[in-house]
Amino acid sequence: MRRSEFDRAVDDEFGPQGRVLVDDLILPPWQMTAREALKVGEPPRAVWLALCAEADVPDARRHGVGRREPKR
């Protein structure tokens, strides 16, 4: 997962509230917010999965999100 895919996944899953979660919700694996974890170099995929776990996102909506539709 790239950073742009992380941002798209957050927007798609959480809508306007997503930015608040990224900035304010402390993620247990790092004891920091998603934004802070990304800034120190944690992989976007790991941050996405930690964010989903803390926000109780169902497993079915955690994988493969954030990607654009394939070009035709």
PDB file of N, CA and C in Angstrom:
ATOM      1  N   MET A   1       0.856  -1.178   0.000  1.00  0.00           N
ATOM      2  CA  MET A   1       0.000   0.000   0.000  1.00  0.00           C
ATOM      3  C   MET A   1       0.893   1.229   0.000  1.00  0.00           C
ATOM      4  N   ARG A   2       0.602   2.126  -0.899  1.00  0.00           N
ATOM      5  CA  ARG A   2       1.311   3.407  -0.954  1.00  0.00           C
ATOM      6  C   ARG A   2       0.591   4.420  -0.078  1.00  0.00           C
ATOM      7  N   ARG A   3       1.270   5.510   0.174  1.00  0.00           N
ATOM      8  CA  ARG A   3       0.667   6.560   1.012  1.00  0.00           C
ATOM      9  C   ARG A   3      -0.604   7.108   0.372  1.00  0.00           C
ATOM     10  N   SER A   4      -0.592   7.281  -0.943  1.00  0.00           N
ATOM     11  CA  SER A   4      -1.790   7.777  -1.629  1.00  0.00           C
ATOM     12  C   SER A   4      -2.946   6.787  -1.488  1.00  0.00           C
ATOM     13  N   GLU A   5      -2.648   5.493  -1.498  1.00  0.00           N
ATOM     14  CA  GLU A   5      -3.684   4.478  -1.308  1.00  0.00           C
ATOM     15  C   GLU A   5      -4.205   4.512   0.135  1.00  0.00           C
ATOM     16  N   PHE A   6      -3.302   4.755   1.081  1.00  0.00           N
ATOM     17  CA  PHE A   6      -3.713   4.904   2.479  1.00  0.00           C
ATOM     18  C   PHE A   6      -4.700   6.067   2.601  1.00  0.00           C
ATOM     19  N   ASP A   7      -4.352   7.206   2.027  1.00  0.00           N
ATOM     20  CA  ASP A   7      -5.228   8.387   2.109  1.00  0.00           C
ATOM     21  C   ASP A   7      -6.583   8.113   1.463  1.00  0.00           C
ATOM     22  N   ARG A   8      -6.578   7.456   0.314  1.00  0.00           N
ATOM     23  CA  ARG A   8      -7.820   7.127  -0.385  1.00  0.00           C
ATOM     24  C   ARG A   8      -8.658   6.156   0.456  1.00  0.00           C
ATOM     25  N   ALA A   9      -8.008   5.160   1.063  1.00  0.00           N
ATOM     26  CA  ALA A   9      -8.723   4.187   1.892  1.00  0.00           C
ATOM     27  C   ALA A   9      -9.368   4.865   3.100  1.00  0.00           C
ATOM     28  N   VAL A  10      -8.630   5.769   3.740  1.00  0.00           N
ATOM     29  CA  VAL A  10      -9.179   6.506   4.893  1.00  0.00           C
ATOM     30  C   VAL A  10     -10.393   7.316   4.459  1.00  0.00           C
ATOM     31  N   ASP A  11     -10.272   8.024   3.350  1.00  0.00           N
ATOM     32  CA  ASP A  11     -11.400   8.828   2.854  1.00  0.00           C
ATOM     33  C   ASP A  11     -12.603   7.954   2.522  1.00  0.00           C
ATOM     34  N   ASP A  12     -12.358   6.826   1.849  1.00  0.00           N
ATOM     35  CA  ASP A  12     -13.460   5.944   1.454  1.00  0.00           C
ATOM     36  C   ASP A  12     -14.142   5.300   2.657  1.00  0.00           C
ATOM     37  N   GLU A  13     -13.365   4.875   3.634  1.00  0.00           N
ATOM     38  CA  GLU A  13     -13.930   4.158   4.783  1.00  0.00           C
ATOM     39  C   GLU A  13     -14.558   5.090   5.810  1.00  0.00           C
ATOM     40  N   PHE A  14     -13.914   6.208   6.098  1.00  0.00           N
ATOM     41  CA  PHE A  14     -14.345   7.056   7.211  1.00  0.00           C
ATOM     42  C   PHE A  14     -14.951   8.391   6.798  1.00  0.00           C
ATOM     43  N   GLY A  15     -14.826   8.763   5.533  1.00  0.00           N
ATOM     44  CA  GLY A  15     -15.362  10.039   5.084  1.00  0.00           C
ATOM     45  C   GLY A  15     -14.664  11.200   5.778  1.00  0.00           C
ATOM     46  N   PRO A  16     -15.390  12.289   6.038  1.00  0.00           N
ATOM     47  CA  PRO A  16     -14.785  13.465   6.660  1.00  0.00           C
ATOM     48  C   PRO A  16     -14.175  13.192   8.039  1.00  0.00           C
ATOM     49  N   GLN A  17     -14.686  12.209   8.741  1.00  0.00           N
ATOM     50  CA  GLN A  17     -14.168  11.865  10.066  1.00  0.00           C
ATOM     51  C   GLN A  17     -12.773  11.229   9.972  1.00  0.00           C
ATOM     52  N   GLY A  18     -12.394  10.746   8.824  1.00  0.00           N
ATOM     53  CA  GLY A  18     -11.121  10.067   8.651  1.00  0.00           C
ATOM     54  C   GLY A  18      -9.919  10.896   9.036  1.00  0.00           C
ATOM     55  N   ARG A  19      -9.907  12.156   8.642  1.00  0.00           N
ATOM     56  CA  ARG A  19      -8.774  13.029   8.968  1.00  0.00           C
ATOM     57  C   ARG A  19      -8.641  13.194  10.476  1.00  0.00           C
ATOM     58  N   VAL A  20      -9.771  13.247  11.174  1.00  0.00           N
ATOM     59  CA  VAL A  20      -9.737  13.370  12.634  1.00  0.00           C
ATOM     60  C   VAL A  20      -9.135  12.110  13.249  1.00  0.00           C
ATOM     61  N   LEU A  21      -9.542  10.946  12.762  1.00  0.00           N
ATOM     62  CA  LEU A  21      -8.990   9.689  13.273  1.00  0.00           C
ATOM     63  C   LEU A  21      -7.492   9.601  13.039  1.00  0.00           C
ATOM     64  N   VAL A  22      -7.048   9.980  11.849  1.00  0.00           N
ATOM     65  CA  VAL A  22      -5.622   9.927  11.513  1.00  0.00           C
ATOM     66  C   VAL A  22      -4.821  10.851  12.424  1.00  0.00           C
ATOM     67  N   ASP A  23      -5.391  11.978  12.768  1.00  0.00           N
ATOM     68  CA  ASP A  23      -4.681  12.965  13.582  1.00  0.00           C
ATOM     69  C   ASP A  23      -4.808  12.756  15.090  1.00  0.00           C
ATOM     70  N   ASP A  24      -5.870  12.093  15.551  1.00  0.00           N
ATOM     71  CA  ASP A  24      -6.154  12.052  16.990  1.00  0.00           C
ATOM     72  C   ASP A  24      -6.154  10.676  17.646  1.00  0.00           C
ATOM     73  N   LEU A  25      -6.469   9.628  16.899  1.00  0.00           N
ATOM     74  CA  LEU A  25      -6.587   8.298  17.489  1.00  0.00           C
ATOM     75  C   LEU A  25      -5.209   7.684  17.717  1.00  0.00           C
ATOM     76  N   ILE A  26      -4.917   7.323  18.957  1.00  0.00           N
ATOM     77  CA  ILE A  26      -3.631   6.700  19.298  1.00  0.00           C
ATOM     78  C   ILE A  26      -3.700   5.217  18.933  1.00  0.00           C
ATOM     79  N   LEU A  27      -2.717   4.752  18.169  1.00  0.00           N
ATOM     80  CA  LEU A  27      -2.660   3.362  17.736  1.00  0.00           C
ATOM     81  C   LEU A  27      -1.714   2.580  18.644  1.00  0.00           C
ATOM     82  N   PRO A  28      -2.217   1.522  19.266  1.00  0.00           N
ATOM     83  CA  PRO A  28      -1.424   0.763  20.237  1.00  0.00           C
ATOM     84  C   PRO A  28      -0.055   0.252  19.758  1.00  0.00           C
ATOM     85  N   PRO A  29       0.072  -0.194  18.505  1.00  0.00           N
ATOM     86  CA  PRO A  29       1.403  -0.724  18.152  1.00  0.00           C
ATOM     87  C   PRO A  29       2.547   0.275  18.347  1.00  0.00           C
ATOM     88  N   TRP A  30       2.232   1.571  18.230  1.00  0.00           N
ATOM     89  CA  TRP A  30       3.291   2.582  18.300  1.00  0.00           C
ATOM     90  C   TRP A  30       3.055   3.623  19.390  1.00  0.00           C
ATOM     91  N   GLN A  31       1.887   3.612  20.005  1.00  0.00           N
ATOM     92  CA  GLN A  31       1.510   4.638  20.988  1.00  0.00           C
ATOM     93  C   GLN A  31       1.647   6.039  20.392  1.00  0.00           C
ATOM     94  N   MET A  32       1.195   6.149  19.152  1.00  0.00           N
ATOM     95  CA  MET A  32       1.161   7.438  18.455  1.00  0.00           C
ATOM     96  C   MET A  32       0.022   7.404  17.447  1.00  0.00           C
ATOM     97  N   THR A  33      -0.280   8.559  16.880  1.00  0.00           N
ATOM     98  CA  THR A  33      -1.352   8.629  15.899  1.00  0.00           C
ATOM     99  C   THR A  33      -0.882   8.045  14.571  1.00  0.00           C
ATOM    100  N   ALA A  34      -1.841   7.808  13.684  1.00  0.00           N
ATOM    101  CA  ALA A  34      -1.508   7.301  12.350  1.00  0.00           C
ATOM    102  C   ALA A  34      -0.594   8.289  11.624  1.00  0.00           C
ATOM    103  N   ARG A  35      -0.898   9.563  11.726  1.00  0.00           N
ATOM    104  CA  ARG A  35      -0.070  10.574  11.052  1.00  0.00           C
ATOM    105  C   ARG A  35       1.371  10.526  11.572  1.00  0.00           C
ATOM    106  N   GLU A  36       1.522  10.420  12.885  1.00  0.00           N
ATOM    107  CA  GLU A  36       2.856  10.357  13.478  1.00  0.00           C
ATOM    108  C   GLU A  36       3.585   9.074  13.053  1.00  0.00           C
ATOM    109  N   ALA A  37       2.863   7.958  13.039  1.00  0.00           N
ATOM    110  CA  ALA A  37       3.470   6.682  12.643  1.00  0.00           C
ATOM    111  C   ALA A  37       3.960   6.740  11.194  1.00  0.00           C
ATOM    112  N   LEU A  38       3.164   7.328  10.323  1.00  0.00           N
ATOM    113  CA  LEU A  38       3.582   7.462   8.927  1.00  0.00           C
ATOM    114  C   LEU A  38       4.798   8.379   8.817  1.00  0.00           C
ATOM    115  N   LYS A  39       4.800   9.434   9.601  1.00  0.00           N
ATOM    116  CA  LYS A  39       5.900  10.404   9.552  1.00  0.00           C
ATOM    117  C   LYS A  39       7.230   9.785   9.974  1.00  0.00           C
ATOM    118  N   VAL A  40       7.201   8.852  10.928  1.00  0.00           N
ATOM    119  CA  VAL A  40       8.450   8.220  11.373  1.00  0.00           C
ATOM    120  C   VAL A  40       8.826   7.018  10.509  1.00  0.00           C
ATOM    121  N   GLY A  41       8.027   6.742   9.466  1.00  0.00           N
ATOM    122  CA  GLY A  41       8.404   5.716   8.506  1.00  0.00           C
ATOM    123  C   GLY A  41       7.724   4.370   8.621  1.00  0.00           C
ATOM    124  N   GLU A  42       6.689   4.278   9.432  1.00  0.00           N
ATOM    125  CA  GLU A  42       5.957   3.010   9.490  1.00  0.00           C
ATOM    126  C   GLU A  42       5.246   2.790   8.147  1.00  0.00           C
ATOM    127  N   PRO A  43       5.177   1.546   7.689  1.00  0.00           N
ATOM    128  CA  PRO A  43       4.534   1.252   6.401  1.00  0.00           C
ATOM    129  C   PRO A  43       3.052   1.632   6.412  1.00  0.00           C
ATOM    130  N   PRO A  44       2.580   2.295   5.365  1.00  0.00           N
ATOM    131  CA  PRO A  44       1.167   2.681   5.304  1.00  0.00           C
ATOM    132  C   PRO A  44       0.210   1.510   5.513  1.00  0.00           C
ATOM    133  N   ARG A  45       0.549   0.333   4.993  1.00  0.00           N
ATOM    134  CA  ARG A  45      -0.325  -0.839   5.157  1.00  0.00           C
ATOM    135  C   ARG A  45      -0.462  -1.210   6.633  1.00  0.00           C
ATOM    136  N   ALA A  46       0.637  -1.197   7.366  1.00  0.00           N
ATOM    137  CA  ALA A  46       0.594  -1.528   8.788  1.00  0.00           C
ATOM    138  C   ALA A  46      -0.217  -0.488   9.560  1.00  0.00           C
ATOM    139  N   VAL A  47      -0.053   0.765   9.195  1.00  0.00           N
ATOM    140  CA  VAL A  47      -0.808   1.839   9.857  1.00  0.00           C
ATOM    141  C   VAL A  47      -2.294   1.704   9.537  1.00  0.00           C
ATOM    142  N   TRP A  48      -2.603   1.392   8.275  1.00  0.00           N
ATOM    143  CA  TRP A  48      -3.996   1.209   7.873  1.00  0.00           C
ATOM    144  C   TRP A  48      -4.639   0.082   8.679  1.00  0.00           C
ATOM    145  N   LEU A  49      -3.967  -1.047   8.787  1.00  0.00           N
ATOM    146  CA  LEU A  49      -4.528  -2.185   9.514  1.00  0.00           C
ATOM    147  C   LEU A  49      -4.688  -1.878  11.005  1.00  0.00           C
ATOM    148  N   ALA A  50      -3.751  -1.152  11.586  1.00  0.00           N
ATOM    149  CA  ALA A  50      -3.872  -0.756  12.991  1.00  0.00           C
ATOM    150  C   ALA A  50      -5.043   0.207  13.183  1.00  0.00           C
ATOM    151  N   LEU A  51      -5.206   1.136  12.265  1.00  0.00           N
ATOM    152  CA  LEU A  51      -6.321   2.085  12.325  1.00  0.00           C
ATOM    153  C   LEU A  51      -7.648   1.341  12.214  1.00  0.00           C
ATOM    154  N   CYS A  52      -7.715   0.396  11.297  1.00  0.00           N
ATOM    155  CA  CYS A  52      -8.932  -0.402  11.138  1.00  0.00           C
ATOM    156  C   CYS A  52      -9.243  -1.192  12.406  1.00  0.00           C
ATOM    157  N   ALA A  53      -8.233  -1.769  13.006  1.00  0.00           N
ATOM    158  CA  ALA A  53      -8.444  -2.556  14.233  1.00  0.00           C
ATOM    159  C   ALA A  53      -9.003  -1.671  15.347  1.00  0.00           C
ATOM    160  N   GLU A  54      -8.445  -0.498  15.511  1.00  0.00           N
ATOM    161  CA  GLU A  54      -8.904   0.406  16.572  1.00  0.00           C
ATOM    162  C   GLU A  54     -10.295   0.966  16.295  1.00  0.00           C
ATOM    163  N   ALA A  55     -10.648   1.112  15.021  1.00  0.00           N
ATOM    164  CA  ALA A  55     -11.947   1.675  14.650  1.00  0.00           C
ATOM    165  C   ALA A  55     -12.993   0.586  14.385  1.00  0.00           C
ATOM    166  N   ASP A  56     -12.646  -0.667  14.652  1.00  0.00           N
ATOM    167  CA  ASP A  56     -13.568  -1.795  14.469  1.00  0.00           C
ATOM    168  C   ASP A  56     -14.103  -1.918  13.043  1.00  0.00           C
ATOM    169  N   VAL A  57     -13.236  -1.692  12.073  1.00  0.00           N
ATOM    170  CA  VAL A  57     -13.614  -1.889  10.674  1.00  0.00           C
ATOM    171  C   VAL A  57     -13.649  -3.394  10.414  1.00  0.00           C
ATOM    172  N   PRO A  58     -14.727  -3.911   9.831  1.00  0.00           N
ATOM    173  CA  PRO A  58     -14.803  -5.351   9.550  1.00  0.00           C
ATOM    174  C   PRO A  58     -13.660  -5.813   8.636  1.00  0.00           C
ATOM    175  N   ASP A  59     -13.204  -7.036   8.858  1.00  0.00           N
ATOM    176  CA  ASP A  59     -12.100  -7.588   8.067  1.00  0.00           C
ATOM    177  C   ASP A  59     -12.349  -7.477   6.566  1.00  0.00           C
ATOM    178  N   ALA A  60     -13.568  -7.668   6.138  1.00  0.00           N
ATOM    179  CA  ALA A  60     -13.890  -7.650   4.713  1.00  0.00           C
ATOM    180  C   ALA A  60     -13.603  -6.291   4.071  1.00  0.00           C
ATOM    181  N   ARG A  61     -13.545  -5.235   4.866  1.00  0.00           N
ATOM    182  CA  ARG A  61     -13.300  -3.897   4.311  1.00  0.00           C
ATOM    183  C   ARG A  61     -11.877  -3.411   4.568  1.00  0.00           C
ATOM    184  N   ARG A  62     -11.002  -4.278   5.049  1.00  0.00           N
ATOM    185  CA  ARG A  62      -9.635  -3.863   5.359  1.00  0.00           C
ATOM    186  C   ARG A  62      -8.643  -4.127   4.236  1.00  0.00           C
ATOM    187  N   HIS A  63      -8.909  -5.086   3.392  1.00  0.00           N
ATOM    188  CA  HIS A  63      -7.922  -5.530   2.412  1.00  0.00           C
ATOM    189  C   HIS A  63      -8.294  -5.081   1.001  1.00  0.00           C
ATOM    190  N   GLY A  64      -7.296  -4.615   0.268  1.00  0.00           N
ATOM    191  CA  GLY A  64      -7.504  -4.223  -1.115  1.00  0.00           C
ATOM    192  C   GLY A  64      -8.144  -2.865  -1.306  1.00  0.00           C
ATOM    193  N   VAL A  65      -8.280  -2.114  -0.234  1.00  0.00           N
ATOM    194  CA  VAL A  65      -8.892  -0.795  -0.362  1.00  0.00           C
ATOM    195  C   VAL A  65      -7.848   0.238  -0.749  1.00  0.00           C
ATOM    196  N   GLY A  66      -8.328   1.347  -1.266  1.00  0.00           N
ATOM    197  CA  GLY A  66      -7.433   2.445  -1.610  1.00  0.00           C
ATOM    198  C   GLY A  66      -6.901   2.395  -3.021  1.00  0.00           C
ATOM    199  N   ARG A  67      -7.075   1.278  -3.676  1.00  0.00           N
ATOM    200  CA  ARG A  67      -6.560   1.162  -5.046  1.00  0.00           C
ATOM    201  C   ARG A  67      -7.543   1.738  -6.026  1.00  0.00           C
ATOM    202  N   ARG A  68      -6.999   2.310  -7.063  1.00  0.00           N
ATOM    203  CA  ARG A  68      -7.858   2.835  -8.130  1.00  0.00           C
ATOM    204  C   ARG A  68      -8.339   1.686  -8.990  1.00  0.00           C
ATOM    205  N   GLU A  69      -9.401   1.935  -9.706  1.00  0.00           N
ATOM    206  CA  GLU A  69      -9.895   0.938 -10.655  1.00  0.00           C
ATOM    207  C   GLU A  69      -8.861   0.760 -11.761  1.00  0.00           C
ATOM    208  N   PRO A  70      -8.669  -0.470 -12.237  1.00  0.00           N
ATOM    209  CA  PRO A  70      -7.681  -0.673 -13.311  1.00  0.00           C
ATOM    210  C   PRO A  70      -8.059   0.100 -14.574  1.00  0.00           C
ATOM    211  N   LYS A  71      -7.028   0.549 -15.274  1.00  0.00           N
ATOM    212  CA  LYS A  71      -7.284   1.240 -16.552  1.00  0.00           C
ATOM    213  C   LYS A  71      -7.747   0.226 -17.572  1.00  0.00           C
ATOM    214  N   ARG A  72      -8.608   0.653 -18.463  1.00  0.00           N
ATOM    215  CA  ARG A  72      -9.130  -0.251 -19.507  1.00  0.00           C
ATOM    216  C   ARG A  72      -8.421  -0.012 -20.801  1.00  0.00           C
TER     217      ARG A  72
END
